[in-house]
């Protein structure tokens, strides 16, 4: 079946100017590739619902004086690379939809909203938000559903975060859904951290505080980070400028450790 898309044709030397103008103003159809014509000119695909606006614009003078501009129809247009690349969320939703179909379960809009669009990644583990996968159907598909999620996003382990405990230690409530252990590796600001996701809370520090701390003159001092576990301003002793030449750096954390 032949398909057609609306396009604007101009000389090759002006194609980039037209592309930038059309994209900036929301006229360019980014799902379709630009197409070179037999005479050397270039066809730029435009959105069909924007044609009326384009008809009233003098593009030749507005975009590139001296250029020519005509409208045409592209026959069997080729999808752009951007359109062909699926996001992790799209792949995840498609894989989950296929899983439910195999189990005879109908995919619904409610289930679609239940699939997370963002998550935190620490090495080969992702940590899902508390609001993700709340529907009862997911529990009936464990552990297979977590293998599907892992394959879709390219990890080996999955955890799910709950609210931080109000126990004086800010202990994270993290449940391991897939994998044998919760130890992860994470690189932040050039510093490599290794910690247990179920015991240590981690949040990336803000750059303003890092820059403030890095300006301290601590020559000959002993520098102690008392909040190393939360890593709100991770690795503070490491952030101090090299010319500080502090005598010693220590990172401390108050945690409950269970001994077997």
C-alpha atoms as a PDB file:
ATOM      1  CA  UNK A   1       0.000   0.000   0.000  1.00  0.00           C
ATOM      2  CA  UNK A   2       1.443   3.330  -1.079  1.00  0.00           C
ATOM      3  CA  UNK A   3       1.674   6.151   1.474  1.00  0.00           C
ATOM      4  CA  UNK A   4       2.202   9.851   0.920  1.00  0.00           C
ATOM      5  CA  UNK A   5       3.476  12.732   3.029  1.00  0.00           C
ATOM      6  CA  UNK A   6       3.415  16.460   2.418  1.00  0.00           C
ATOM      7  CA  UNK A   7       6.781  18.093   1.880  1.00  0.00           C
ATOM      8  CA  UNK A   8       8.483  21.356   0.931  1.00  0.00           C
ATOM      9  CA  UNK A   9      11.130  21.238  -1.800  1.00  0.00           C
ATOM     10  CA  UNK A  10      14.048  23.665  -1.978  1.00  0.00           C
ATOM     11  CA  UNK A  11      17.600  23.764  -3.312  1.00  0.00           C
ATOM     12  CA  UNK A  12      20.189  21.649  -1.503  1.00  0.00           C
ATOM     13  CA  UNK A  13      22.245  24.677  -0.397  1.00  0.00           C
ATOM     14  CA  UNK A  14      19.232  26.061   1.501  1.00  0.00           C
ATOM     15  CA  UNK A  15      17.952  22.756   2.901  1.00  0.00           C
ATOM     16  CA  UNK A  16      19.615  23.147   6.309  1.00  0.00           C
ATOM     17  CA  UNK A  17      18.183  26.648   6.790  1.00  0.00           C
ATOM     18  CA  UNK A  18      14.709  25.402   5.920  1.00  0.00           C
ATOM     19  CA  UNK A  19      15.121  22.402   8.214  1.00  0.00           C
ATOM     20  CA  UNK A  20      16.109  24.557  11.180  1.00  0.00           C
ATOM     21  CA  UNK A  21      13.245  26.999  10.572  1.00  0.00           C
ATOM     22  CA  UNK A  22      10.612  24.294  10.129  1.00  0.00           C
ATOM     23  CA  UNK A  23      11.767  22.341  13.186  1.00  0.00           C
ATOM     24  CA  UNK A  24      12.000  25.444  15.406  1.00  0.00           C
ATOM     25  CA  UNK A  25       8.446  26.490  14.510  1.00  0.00           C
ATOM     26  CA  UNK A  26       6.906  23.028  14.793  1.00  0.00           C
ATOM     27  CA  UNK A  27       6.269  22.456  11.074  1.00  0.00           C
ATOM     28  CA  UNK A  28       8.795  19.695  10.388  1.00  0.00           C
ATOM     29  CA  UNK A  29       7.644  16.057  10.459  1.00  0.00           C
ATOM     30  CA  UNK A  30      10.560  14.528  12.371  1.00  0.00           C
ATOM     31  CA  UNK A  31       9.263  10.984  11.873  1.00  0.00           C
ATOM     32  CA  UNK A  32      10.205  11.106   8.165  1.00  0.00           C
ATOM     33  CA  UNK A  33      13.654  11.441   6.578  1.00  0.00           C
ATOM     34  CA  UNK A  34      14.565  14.324   4.287  1.00  0.00           C
ATOM     35  CA  UNK A  35      14.596  13.061   0.709  1.00  0.00           C
ATOM     36  CA  UNK A  36      16.929  14.073  -2.090  1.00  0.00           C
ATOM     37  CA  UNK A  37      15.152  14.627  -5.419  1.00  0.00           C
ATOM     38  CA  UNK A  38      16.395  13.543  -8.887  1.00  0.00           C
ATOM     39  CA  UNK A  39      17.279  17.165  -9.768  1.00  0.00           C
ATOM     40  CA  UNK A  40      19.426  17.543  -6.640  1.00  0.00           C
ATOM     41  CA  UNK A  41      16.895  19.495  -4.596  1.00  0.00           C
ATOM     42  CA  UNK A  42      15.769  18.356  -1.134  1.00  0.00           C
ATOM     43  CA  UNK A  43      12.252  17.559   0.075  1.00  0.00           C
ATOM     44  CA  UNK A  44      11.547  18.341   3.727  1.00  0.00           C
ATOM     45  CA  UNK A  45       8.495  16.542   5.201  1.00  0.00           C
ATOM     46  CA  UNK A  46       5.992  18.775   6.985  1.00  0.00           C
ATOM     47  CA  UNK A  47       3.056  18.017   9.264  1.00  0.00           C
ATOM     48  CA  UNK A  48      -0.244  17.895   7.382  1.00  0.00           C
ATOM     49  CA  UNK A  49      -2.089  19.854  10.057  1.00  0.00           C
ATOM     50  CA  UNK A  50       0.357  22.762   9.624  1.00  0.00           C
ATOM     51  CA  UNK A  51      -0.142  23.195   5.869  1.00  0.00           C
ATOM     52  CA  UNK A  52      -2.672  26.004   6.202  1.00  0.00           C
ATOM     53  CA  UNK A  53      -0.197  28.027   8.272  1.00  0.00           C
ATOM     54  CA  UNK A  54       2.604  27.384   5.796  1.00  0.00           C
ATOM     55  CA  UNK A  55       0.439  28.498   2.860  1.00  0.00           C
ATOM     56  CA  UNK A  56       0.267  31.980   4.337  1.00  0.00           C
ATOM     57  CA  UNK A  57       4.011  32.327   4.895  1.00  0.00           C
ATOM     58  CA  UNK A  58       6.441  33.662   2.343  1.00  0.00           C
ATOM     59  CA  UNK A  59       9.100  31.075   3.180  1.00  0.00           C
ATOM     60  CA  UNK A  60      11.484  32.070   0.402  1.00  0.00           C
ATOM     61  CA  UNK A  61      11.954  35.538   1.887  1.00  0.00           C
ATOM     62  CA  UNK A  62      11.531  34.523   5.521  1.00  0.00           C
ATOM     63  CA  UNK A  63      13.909  31.555   5.598  1.00  0.00           C
ATOM     64  CA  UNK A  64      16.459  32.049   2.838  1.00  0.00           C
ATOM     65  CA  UNK A  65      16.253  34.957   0.379  1.00  0.00           C
ATOM     66  CA  UNK A  66      17.169  33.752  -3.112  1.00  0.00           C
ATOM     67  CA  UNK A  67      15.784  30.253  -2.528  1.00  0.00           C
ATOM     68  CA  UNK A  68      12.835  28.587  -4.204  1.00  0.00           C
ATOM     69  CA  UNK A  69      10.093  26.759  -2.365  1.00  0.00           C
ATOM     70  CA  UNK A  70       7.416  24.426  -3.698  1.00  0.00           C
ATOM     71  CA  UNK A  71       5.023  21.890  -2.165  1.00  0.00           C
ATOM     72  CA  UNK A  72       4.987  18.233  -3.150  1.00  0.00           C
ATOM     73  CA  UNK A  73       3.902  14.781  -2.000  1.00  0.00           C
ATOM     74  CA  UNK A  74       6.519  12.220  -0.987  1.00  0.00           C
ATOM     75  CA  UNK A  75       5.694   8.721  -2.222  1.00  0.00           C
ATOM     76  CA  UNK A  76       6.420   5.927   0.283  1.00  0.00           C
ATOM     77  CA  UNK A  77       8.470   8.119   2.649  1.00  0.00           C
ATOM     78  CA  UNK A  78      11.203   6.541   4.770  1.00  0.00           C
ATOM     79  CA  UNK A  79      10.954   6.727   8.550  1.00  0.00           C
ATOM     80  CA  UNK A  80      13.640   8.765  10.311  1.00  0.00           C
ATOM     81  CA  UNK A  81      16.179   7.157  12.640  1.00  0.00           C
ATOM     82  CA  UNK A  82      14.542   8.993  15.523  1.00  0.00           C
ATOM     83  CA  UNK A  83      11.195   7.364  14.733  1.00  0.00           C
ATOM     84  CA  UNK A  84      12.773   3.916  14.478  1.00  0.00           C
ATOM     85  CA  UNK A  85      14.493   4.109  17.876  1.00  0.00           C
ATOM     86  CA  UNK A  86      12.118   3.107  20.631  1.00  0.00           C
ATOM     87  CA  UNK A  87      12.448   4.459  24.128  1.00  0.00           C
ATOM     88  CA  UNK A  88      12.967   2.094  27.042  1.00  0.00           C
ATOM     89  CA  UNK A  89       9.439   2.885  28.168  1.00  0.00           C
ATOM     90  CA  UNK A  90       8.002   1.936  24.764  1.00  0.00           C
ATOM     91  CA  UNK A  91       9.915  -1.341  24.695  1.00  0.00           C
ATOM     92  CA  UNK A  92       8.915  -2.094  28.268  1.00  0.00           C
ATOM     93  CA  UNK A  93       5.233  -1.486  27.570  1.00  0.00           C
ATOM     94  CA  UNK A  94       5.287  -3.587  24.407  1.00  0.00           C
ATOM     95  CA  UNK A  95       6.998  -6.499  26.169  1.00  0.00           C
ATOM     96  CA  UNK A  96       4.544  -6.376  29.073  1.00  0.00           C
ATOM     97  CA  UNK A  97       1.600  -6.161  26.691  1.00  0.00           C
ATOM     98  CA  UNK A  98       2.872  -9.269  24.902  1.00  0.00           C
ATOM     99  CA  UNK A  99       3.264 -11.093  28.218  1.00  0.00           C
ATOM    100  CA  UNK A 100      -0.303 -10.337  29.255  1.00  0.00           C
ATOM    101  CA  UNK A 101      -1.610 -11.336  25.838  1.00  0.00           C
ATOM    102  CA  UNK A 102       0.054 -14.738  26.228  1.00  0.00           C
ATOM    103  CA  UNK A 103      -1.736 -15.105  29.579  1.00  0.00           C
ATOM    104  CA  UNK A 104      -5.074 -14.117  28.087  1.00  0.00           C
ATOM    105  CA  UNK A 105      -5.192 -10.775  29.893  1.00  0.00           C
ATOM    106  CA  UNK A 106      -6.478  -7.700  28.076  1.00  0.00           C
ATOM    107  CA  UNK A 107      -4.205  -4.648  28.108  1.00  0.00           C
ATOM    108  CA  UNK A 108      -5.982  -1.597  29.529  1.00  0.00           C
ATOM    109  CA  UNK A 109      -5.268   2.106  29.901  1.00  0.00           C
ATOM    110  CA  UNK A 110      -5.011   1.603  33.674  1.00  0.00           C
ATOM    111  CA  UNK A 111      -2.209  -0.934  33.168  1.00  0.00           C
ATOM    112  CA  UNK A 112      -0.481   1.459  30.785  1.00  0.00           C
ATOM    113  CA  UNK A 113      -0.417   4.129  33.518  1.00  0.00           C
ATOM    114  CA  UNK A 114       0.973   1.509  35.902  1.00  0.00           C
ATOM    115  CA  UNK A 115       4.134   1.074  33.803  1.00  0.00           C
ATOM    116  CA  UNK A 116       6.905   3.456  34.970  1.00  0.00           C
ATOM    117  CA  UNK A 117       8.437   5.967  32.588  1.00  0.00           C
ATOM    118  CA  UNK A 118      11.419   6.769  34.816  1.00  0.00           C
ATOM    119  CA  UNK A 119      13.539   4.870  37.307  1.00  0.00           C
ATOM    120  CA  UNK A 120      16.896   5.129  39.062  1.00  0.00           C
ATOM    121  CA  UNK A 121      19.771   3.071  37.743  1.00  0.00           C
ATOM    122  CA  UNK A 122      22.743   1.828  39.756  1.00  0.00           C
ATOM    123  CA  UNK A 123      25.018  -0.362  37.639  1.00  0.00           C
ATOM    124  CA  UNK A 124      23.060  -3.430  36.568  1.00  0.00           C
ATOM    125  CA  UNK A 125      20.112  -2.617  38.836  1.00  0.00           C
ATOM    126  CA  UNK A 126      17.124  -0.322  38.407  1.00  0.00           C
ATOM    127  CA  UNK A 127      15.103   0.948  41.350  1.00  0.00           C
ATOM    128  CA  UNK A 128      11.415   1.468  40.609  1.00  0.00           C
ATOM    129  CA  UNK A 129       9.266   4.100  42.276  1.00  0.00           C
ATOM    130  CA  UNK A 130       6.715   3.034  44.872  1.00  0.00           C
ATOM    131  CA  UNK A 131       3.860   3.945  42.507  1.00  0.00           C
ATOM    132  CA  UNK A 132       4.983   1.545  39.752  1.00  0.00           C
ATOM    133  CA  UNK A 133       3.311  -1.826  39.135  1.00  0.00           C
ATOM    134  CA  UNK A 134       0.539  -1.434  41.699  1.00  0.00           C
ATOM    135  CA  UNK A 135      -2.050  -3.590  39.901  1.00  0.00           C
ATOM    136  CA  UNK A 136      -2.721  -7.039  41.373  1.00  0.00           C
ATOM    137  CA  UNK A 137      -2.092  -8.733  38.007  1.00  0.00           C
ATOM    138  CA  UNK A 138       1.662  -8.165  38.311  1.00  0.00           C
ATOM    139  CA  UNK A 139       1.858 -10.202  41.531  1.00  0.00           C
ATOM    140  CA  UNK A 140       0.275 -13.174  39.776  1.00  0.00           C
ATOM    141  CA  UNK A 141       2.973 -13.007  37.082  1.00  0.00           C
ATOM    142  CA  UNK A 142       6.001 -12.970  39.413  1.00  0.00           C
ATOM    143  CA  UNK A 143       8.851 -13.667  38.872  1.00  0.00           C
ATOM    144  CA  UNK A 144       8.390 -13.839  35.085  1.00  0.00           C
ATOM    145  CA  UNK A 145       7.220 -10.247  34.826  1.00  0.00           C
ATOM    146  CA  UNK A 146      10.448  -9.002  36.436  1.00  0.00           C
ATOM    147  CA  UNK A 147      12.559 -10.954  33.945  1.00  0.00           C
ATOM    148  CA  UNK A 148      10.582  -9.280  31.162  1.00  0.00           C
ATOM    149  CA  UNK A 149      11.191  -5.845  32.691  1.00  0.00           C
ATOM    150  CA  UNK A 150      14.919  -6.543  33.137  1.00  0.00           C
ATOM    151  CA  UNK A 151      15.339  -7.644  29.525  1.00  0.00           C
ATOM    152  CA  UNK A 152      13.394  -4.648  28.214  1.00  0.00           C
ATOM    153  CA  UNK A 153      15.536  -2.046  30.022  1.00  0.00           C
ATOM    154  CA  UNK A 154      18.846  -3.925  29.875  1.00  0.00           C
ATOM    155  CA  UNK A 155      19.571  -4.810  33.511  1.00  0.00           C
ATOM    156  CA  UNK A 156      19.935  -7.953  35.623  1.00  0.00           C
ATOM    157  CA  UNK A 157      18.404  -6.841  38.914  1.00  0.00           C
ATOM    158  CA  UNK A 158      15.296  -4.915  39.924  1.00  0.00           C
ATOM    159  CA  UNK A 159      14.342  -3.299  43.204  1.00  0.00           C
ATOM    160  CA  UNK A 160      11.382  -1.234  44.311  1.00  0.00           C
ATOM    161  CA  UNK A 161      11.663   1.696  46.690  1.00  0.00           C
ATOM    162  CA  UNK A 162       9.184   2.600  49.401  1.00  0.00           C
ATOM    163  CA  UNK A 163       9.082   5.553  51.743  1.00  0.00           C
ATOM    164  CA  UNK A 164      12.139   6.320  53.863  1.00  0.00           C
ATOM    165  CA  UNK A 165      11.715   4.978  57.392  1.00  0.00           C
ATOM    166  CA  UNK A 166      11.317   7.515  60.204  1.00  0.00           C
ATOM    167  CA  UNK A 167      13.581   5.509  62.506  1.00  0.00           C
ATOM    168  CA  UNK A 168      16.320   8.049  63.167  1.00  0.00           C
ATOM    169  CA  UNK A 169      18.558   6.363  60.586  1.00  0.00           C
ATOM    170  CA  UNK A 170      16.501   7.227  57.471  1.00  0.00           C
ATOM    171  CA  UNK A 171      16.639   3.557  56.545  1.00  0.00           C
ATOM    172  CA  UNK A 172      15.398   2.979  53.002  1.00  0.00           C
ATOM    173  CA  UNK A 173      12.511   0.593  52.434  1.00  0.00           C
ATOM    174  CA  UNK A 174      13.730  -1.162  49.326  1.00  0.00           C
ATOM    175  CA  UNK A 175      12.418  -4.542  48.183  1.00  0.00           C
ATOM    176  CA  UNK A 176      14.529  -6.681  45.864  1.00  0.00           C
ATOM    177  CA  UNK A 177      12.273  -8.021  43.104  1.00  0.00           C
ATOM    178  CA  UNK A 178      14.890  -9.707  40.929  1.00  0.00           C
ATOM    179  CA  UNK A 179      18.444 -10.687  41.801  1.00  0.00           C
ATOM    180  CA  UNK A 180      20.382 -12.358  44.604  1.00  0.00           C
ATOM    181  CA  UNK A 181      21.714  -9.311  46.458  1.00  0.00           C
ATOM    182  CA  UNK A 182      21.221  -5.556  46.700  1.00  0.00           C
ATOM    183  CA  UNK A 183      24.853  -4.418  46.581  1.00  0.00           C
ATOM    184  CA  UNK A 184      25.371  -1.893  43.779  1.00  0.00           C
ATOM    185  CA  UNK A 185      28.110   0.250  42.274  1.00  0.00           C
ATOM    186  CA  UNK A 186      27.386   3.869  41.441  1.00  0.00           C
ATOM    187  CA  UNK A 187      29.624   6.626  40.035  1.00  0.00           C
ATOM    188  CA  UNK A 188      28.794  10.207  40.971  1.00  0.00           C
ATOM    189  CA  UNK A 189      31.019  13.239  40.394  1.00  0.00           C
ATOM    190  CA  UNK A 190      33.914  10.912  39.509  1.00  0.00           C
ATOM    191  CA  UNK A 191      33.590   8.996  42.797  1.00  0.00           C
ATOM    192  CA  UNK A 192      32.681   5.297  42.802  1.00  0.00           C
ATOM    193  CA  UNK A 193      30.343   4.145  45.557  1.00  0.00           C
ATOM    194  CA  UNK A 194      29.567   0.580  46.625  1.00  0.00           C
ATOM    195  CA  UNK A 195      26.635   0.123  48.983  1.00  0.00           C
ATOM    196  CA  UNK A 196      23.635  -2.045  49.877  1.00  0.00           C
ATOM    197  CA  UNK A 197      20.470  -0.476  48.449  1.00  0.00           C
ATOM    198  CA  UNK A 198      18.355  -1.933  51.248  1.00  0.00           C
ATOM    199  CA  UNK A 199      20.468  -0.329  53.975  1.00  0.00           C
ATOM    200  CA  UNK A 200      21.857   2.934  52.572  1.00  0.00           C
ATOM    201  CA  UNK A 201      19.929   5.829  51.080  1.00  0.00           C
ATOM    202  CA  UNK A 202      21.594   7.468  48.081  1.00  0.00           C
ATOM    203  CA  UNK A 203      20.714  10.747  46.405  1.00  0.00           C
ATOM    204  CA  UNK A 204      22.871  12.710  44.025  1.00  0.00           C
ATOM    205  CA  UNK A 205      24.248  15.892  45.583  1.00  0.00           C
ATOM    206  CA  UNK A 206      23.586  19.386  44.235  1.00  0.00           C
ATOM    207  CA  UNK A 207      26.409  21.132  42.417  1.00  0.00           C
ATOM    208  CA  UNK A 208      26.044  24.383  44.414  1.00  0.00           C
ATOM    209  CA  UNK A 209      26.927  22.678  47.684  1.00  0.00           C
ATOM    210  CA  UNK A 210      29.757  20.739  46.066  1.00  0.00           C
ATOM    211  CA  UNK A 211      31.312  23.922  44.730  1.00  0.00           C
ATOM    212  CA  UNK A 212      30.939  25.614  48.106  1.00  0.00           C
ATOM    213  CA  UNK A 213      32.659  22.753  49.940  1.00  0.00           C
ATOM    214  CA  UNK A 214      35.371  22.470  47.314  1.00  0.00           C
ATOM    215  CA  UNK A 215      36.454  26.064  48.006  1.00  0.00           C
ATOM    216  CA  UNK A 216      37.318  25.366  51.674  1.00  0.00           C
ATOM    217  CA  UNK A 217      40.945  25.826  52.681  1.00  0.00           C
ATOM    218  CA  UNK A 218      41.605  22.753  54.829  1.00  0.00           C
ATOM    219  CA  UNK A 219      45.391  22.610  54.766  1.00  0.00           C
ATOM    220  CA  UNK A 220      46.613  20.441  57.633  1.00  0.00           C
ATOM    221  CA  UNK A 221      43.081  19.681  58.833  1.00  0.00           C
ATOM    222  CA  UNK A 222      41.300  16.376  59.421  1.00  0.00           C
ATOM    223  CA  UNK A 223      38.165  16.393  57.252  1.00  0.00           C
ATOM    224  CA  UNK A 224      35.202  14.258  58.372  1.00  0.00           C
ATOM    225  CA  UNK A 225      31.994  13.621  56.420  1.00  0.00           C
ATOM    226  CA  UNK A 226      29.319  12.626  58.929  1.00  0.00           C
ATOM    227  CA  UNK A 227      26.636  11.957  56.324  1.00  0.00           C
ATOM    228  CA  UNK A 228      28.416   9.649  53.917  1.00  0.00           C
ATOM    229  CA  UNK A 229      25.593   7.124  53.682  1.00  0.00           C
ATOM    230  CA  UNK A 230      22.971   9.513  52.378  1.00  0.00           C
ATOM    231  CA  UNK A 231      25.453  10.973  49.900  1.00  0.00           C
ATOM    232  CA  UNK A 232      23.468  14.173  49.619  1.00  0.00           C
ATOM    233  CA  UNK A 233      26.829  15.868  49.089  1.00  0.00           C
ATOM    234  CA  UNK A 234      28.767  12.678  48.281  1.00  0.00           C
ATOM    235  CA  UNK A 235      32.443  12.290  48.983  1.00  0.00           C
ATOM    236  CA  UNK A 236      33.050  15.636  50.557  1.00  0.00           C
ATOM    237  CA  UNK A 237      36.650  14.927  51.518  1.00  0.00           C
ATOM    238  CA  UNK A 238      37.318  14.016  47.895  1.00  0.00           C
ATOM    239  CA  UNK A 239      35.807  17.267  46.654  1.00  0.00           C
ATOM    240  CA  UNK A 240      38.180  19.540  48.524  1.00  0.00           C
ATOM    241  CA  UNK A 241      40.668  21.106  46.161  1.00  0.00           C
ATOM    242  CA  UNK A 242      43.973  19.380  45.761  1.00  0.00           C
ATOM    243  CA  UNK A 243      45.836  22.468  46.955  1.00  0.00           C
ATOM    244  CA  UNK A 244      44.091  22.129  50.338  1.00  0.00           C
ATOM    245  CA  UNK A 245      46.423  19.231  51.276  1.00  0.00           C
ATOM    246  CA  UNK A 246      44.271  18.156  54.205  1.00  0.00           C
ATOM    247  CA  UNK A 247      45.941  15.704  56.569  1.00  0.00           C
ATOM    248  CA  UNK A 248      43.249  13.029  56.587  1.00  0.00           C
ATOM    249  CA  UNK A 249      39.744  12.468  55.161  1.00  0.00           C
ATOM    250  CA  UNK A 250      37.140  10.236  56.798  1.00  0.00           C
ATOM    251  CA  UNK A 251      33.587   9.356  55.756  1.00  0.00           C
ATOM    252  CA  UNK A 252      31.220   8.135  58.500  1.00  0.00           C
ATOM    253  CA  UNK A 253      27.751   6.643  58.547  1.00  0.00           C
ATOM    254  CA  UNK A 254      25.467   5.594  61.390  1.00  0.00           C
ATOM    255  CA  UNK A 255      23.687   2.424  60.311  1.00  0.00           C
ATOM    256  CA  UNK A 256      22.013  -0.567  61.928  1.00  0.00           C
ATOM    257  CA  UNK A 257      23.907  -3.688  60.908  1.00  0.00           C
ATOM    258  CA  UNK A 258      22.391  -7.086  61.570  1.00  0.00           C
ATOM    259  CA  UNK A 259      24.857  -9.805  62.450  1.00  0.00           C
ATOM    260  CA  UNK A 260      24.062 -13.453  61.829  1.00  0.00           C
END
